[in-house]
Amino acid sequence: MLNDLGIPEHLIWKLNDFDNHQRAVNFIKQFQDTLCVYSAPVEQLYTNYDISIPPDDDRSLVILPNPYAYHDTFNSIGDHSVHATGMYIVPGDLFGKEGLFLTLRLLKYGKGLSNRCH
């Protein structure tokens, strides 16, 4: 089990809600070199990390910050400094199209608006 390996819970992302786990993993791995990961429990922002699948648990992802890239980890970032954008990156095949789409939630009306990412 993951807890037996001593991996902190805040670095484990559960994929139990996804029907196709491998598809979810492939989608998330596309952004490994592009997006940062914020961990609220330790108030850190990771810009250099690895996403791995534990051999005994294909329903989870583990986010491991690069321990040799201390300059790529930002400390003391309180959760008051991190805000939800309301933007979601979605695979185009959900809409019968290719590519990735950026979906925005219009808070006033609760409807979505999509723009293709290039």
Protein backbone atom coordinates (compact mmCIF):
# COMPACT_ATOMS: atom_id res chain seq x y z
CA MET A 1 0.00 0.00 0.00
CA LEU A 2 1.05 3.60 -0.54
CA ASN A 3 0.98 4.49 3.14
CA ASP A 4 3.47 1.70 3.80
CA LEU A 5 5.94 3.55 1.54
CA GLY A 6 5.79 6.66 3.72
CA ILE A 7 4.40 8.90 0.96
CA PRO A 8 2.49 11.86 2.43
CA GLU A 9 -1.24 11.77 1.64
CA HIS A 10 -1.15 15.26 0.07
CA LEU A 11 1.14 13.88 -2.68
CA ILE A 12 -1.28 11.09 -3.63
CA TRP A 13 -4.07 11.80 -6.10
CA LYS A 14 -6.87 9.22 -6.12
CA LEU A 15 -8.45 8.31 -9.47
CA ASN A 16 -11.34 6.26 -8.09
CA ASP A 17 -13.97 8.46 -9.75
CA PHE A 18 -12.63 7.78 -13.26
CA ASP A 19 -13.87 4.84 -15.32
CA ASN A 20 -10.73 4.72 -17.46
CA HIS A 21 -7.79 5.20 -15.10
CA GLN A 22 -5.11 4.92 -17.79
CA ARG A 23 -6.81 7.62 -19.85
CA ALA A 24 -6.86 9.89 -16.78
CA VAL A 25 -3.16 9.23 -16.14
CA ASN A 26 -2.22 9.95 -19.76
CA PHE A 27 -4.22 13.18 -19.69
CA ILE A 28 -2.62 14.43 -16.47
CA LYS A 29 0.91 13.51 -17.59
CA GLN A 30 0.55 15.88 -20.56
CA PHE A 31 0.88 18.78 -18.14
CA GLN A 32 3.79 17.56 -16.03
CA ASP A 33 6.24 19.97 -17.68
CA THR A 34 3.77 22.84 -17.98
CA LEU A 35 1.67 23.28 -14.84
CA CYS A 36 2.65 23.77 -11.21
CA VAL A 37 1.27 21.69 -8.36
CA TYR A 38 0.29 23.30 -5.07
CA SER A 39 0.23 21.37 -1.81
CA ALA A 40 -1.79 23.15 0.88
CA PRO A 41 -0.74 20.96 3.85
CA VAL A 42 2.92 21.95 3.44
CA GLU A 43 2.29 25.33 1.74
CA GLN A 44 4.55 24.49 -1.19
CA LEU A 45 4.35 25.08 -4.92
CA TYR A 46 6.17 22.54 -7.09
CA THR A 47 7.36 23.47 -10.56
CA ASN A 48 9.63 20.45 -11.03
CA TYR A 49 8.01 17.13 -10.15
CA ASP A 50 7.39 13.64 -11.42
CA ILE A 51 4.04 11.91 -11.76
CA SER A 52 4.18 8.18 -11.18
CA ILE A 53 1.77 5.29 -10.82
CA PRO A 54 2.47 3.03 -7.83
CA PRO A 55 2.98 -0.57 -9.00
CA ASP A 56 0.42 -1.91 -6.51
CA ASP A 57 -2.24 0.79 -6.98
CA ASP A 58 -3.26 1.79 -10.51
CA ARG A 59 -6.08 3.95 -9.12
CA SER A 60 -3.69 6.57 -7.75
CA LEU A 61 -1.03 8.97 -8.93
CA VAL A 62 1.89 10.11 -6.84
CA ILE A 63 3.31 13.61 -7.28
CA LEU A 64 6.96 13.61 -6.27
CA PRO A 65 8.83 16.93 -6.18
CA ASN A 66 12.36 16.71 -7.57
CA PRO A 67 14.53 16.64 -4.42
CA TYR A 68 17.56 17.90 -6.38
CA ALA A 69 15.75 20.96 -7.71
CA TYR A 70 15.25 22.83 -4.45
CA HIS A 71 15.16 26.08 -6.45
CA ASP A 72 12.01 24.81 -8.20
CA THR A 73 10.03 24.40 -4.97
CA PHE A 74 8.50 27.52 -3.47
CA ASN A 75 7.89 27.44 0.28
CA SER A 76 5.59 29.31 2.66
CA ILE A 77 2.87 29.85 0.04
CA GLY A 78 -0.24 30.15 2.20
CA ASP A 79 -3.56 28.97 0.83
CA HIS A 80 -4.77 32.59 0.96
CA SER A 81 -2.36 33.19 -1.96
CA VAL A 82 -3.85 30.43 -4.13
CA HIS A 83 -7.22 30.96 -5.79
CA ALA A 84 -9.34 28.77 -8.03
CA THR A 85 -9.46 30.16 -11.56
CA GLY A 86 -12.67 28.46 -12.63
CA MET A 87 -10.80 27.16 -15.70
CA TYR A 88 -10.73 23.50 -16.63
CA ILE A 89 -8.63 21.73 -19.28
CA VAL A 90 -10.72 19.09 -21.02
CA PRO A 91 -9.84 16.55 -23.75
CA GLY A 92 -11.54 17.42 -27.03
CA ASP A 93 -12.83 13.90 -27.59
CA LEU A 94 -15.46 14.63 -24.93
CA PHE A 95 -16.93 17.01 -27.53
CA GLY A 96 -16.15 14.79 -30.52
CA LYS A 97 -13.17 17.00 -31.46
CA GLU A 98 -9.38 16.78 -31.35
CA GLY A 99 -7.05 18.68 -29.07
CA LEU A 100 -7.55 20.26 -25.68
CA PHE A 101 -10.19 22.76 -24.65
CA LEU A 102 -10.18 25.35 -21.94
CA THR A 103 -13.56 25.47 -20.25
CA LEU A 104 -14.60 28.41 -18.11
CA ARG A 105 -17.46 28.41 -15.66
CA LEU A 106 -19.59 31.51 -15.89
CA LEU A 107 -20.38 31.98 -12.24
CA LYS A 108 -23.34 34.29 -12.71
CA TYR A 109 -25.31 31.84 -14.83
CA GLY A 110 -23.59 28.55 -13.97
CA LYS A 111 -22.99 27.75 -17.64
CA GLY A 112 -19.71 26.80 -19.30
CA LEU A 113 -17.85 28.50 -22.11
CA SER A 114 -15.19 26.64 -24.09
CA ASN A 115 -12.18 27.83 -26.08
CA ARG A 116 -9.73 25.56 -27.86
CA CYS A 117 -6.18 25.53 -26.51
CA HIS A 118 -3.45 25.69 -29.13
